[in-house]
Protein backbone atom coordinates (compact mmCIF):
# COMPACT_ATOMS: atom_id res chain seq x y z
CA MET A 1 122.15 107.72 116.72
CA PHE A 2 123.34 110.60 114.59
CA GLU A 3 122.78 114.15 115.82
CA LEU A 4 123.63 115.87 112.54
CA GLN A 5 120.81 118.20 111.50
CA PRO A 6 118.00 116.52 113.47
CA SER A 7 115.42 119.06 112.26
CA TYR A 8 116.19 118.26 108.61
CA PHE A 9 116.05 114.52 109.31
CA SER A 10 112.70 114.76 111.11
CA HIS A 11 111.31 116.96 108.32
CA TYR A 12 112.46 114.40 105.74
CA LYS A 13 110.83 111.56 107.72
CA VAL A 14 107.54 113.46 108.02
CA THR A 15 107.53 114.27 104.30
CA HIS A 16 108.29 110.63 103.42
CA ILE A 17 105.50 109.33 105.68
CA VAL A 18 102.97 111.84 104.31
CA SER A 19 103.82 111.02 100.68
CA TRP A 20 103.57 107.28 101.43
CA LEU A 21 100.16 107.74 103.07
CA LEU A 22 98.91 109.79 100.11
CA ALA A 23 100.07 107.10 97.69
CA LEU A 24 98.36 104.41 99.78
CA MET A 25 95.09 106.36 99.87
CA LEU A 26 95.29 106.88 96.10
CA MET A 27 95.76 103.16 95.46
CA LEU A 28 92.86 102.32 97.80
CA SER A 29 90.59 104.80 96.03
CA LEU A 30 91.45 103.21 92.65
CA LEU A 31 90.42 99.72 93.80
């Protein structure tokens, strides 16, 4: 486990998860 800039890493993970969920919801709405 790396301890370098944990706040930046967690923020990046949250942003990635949110963007993935938005893309999934968009694809479901287009079906």
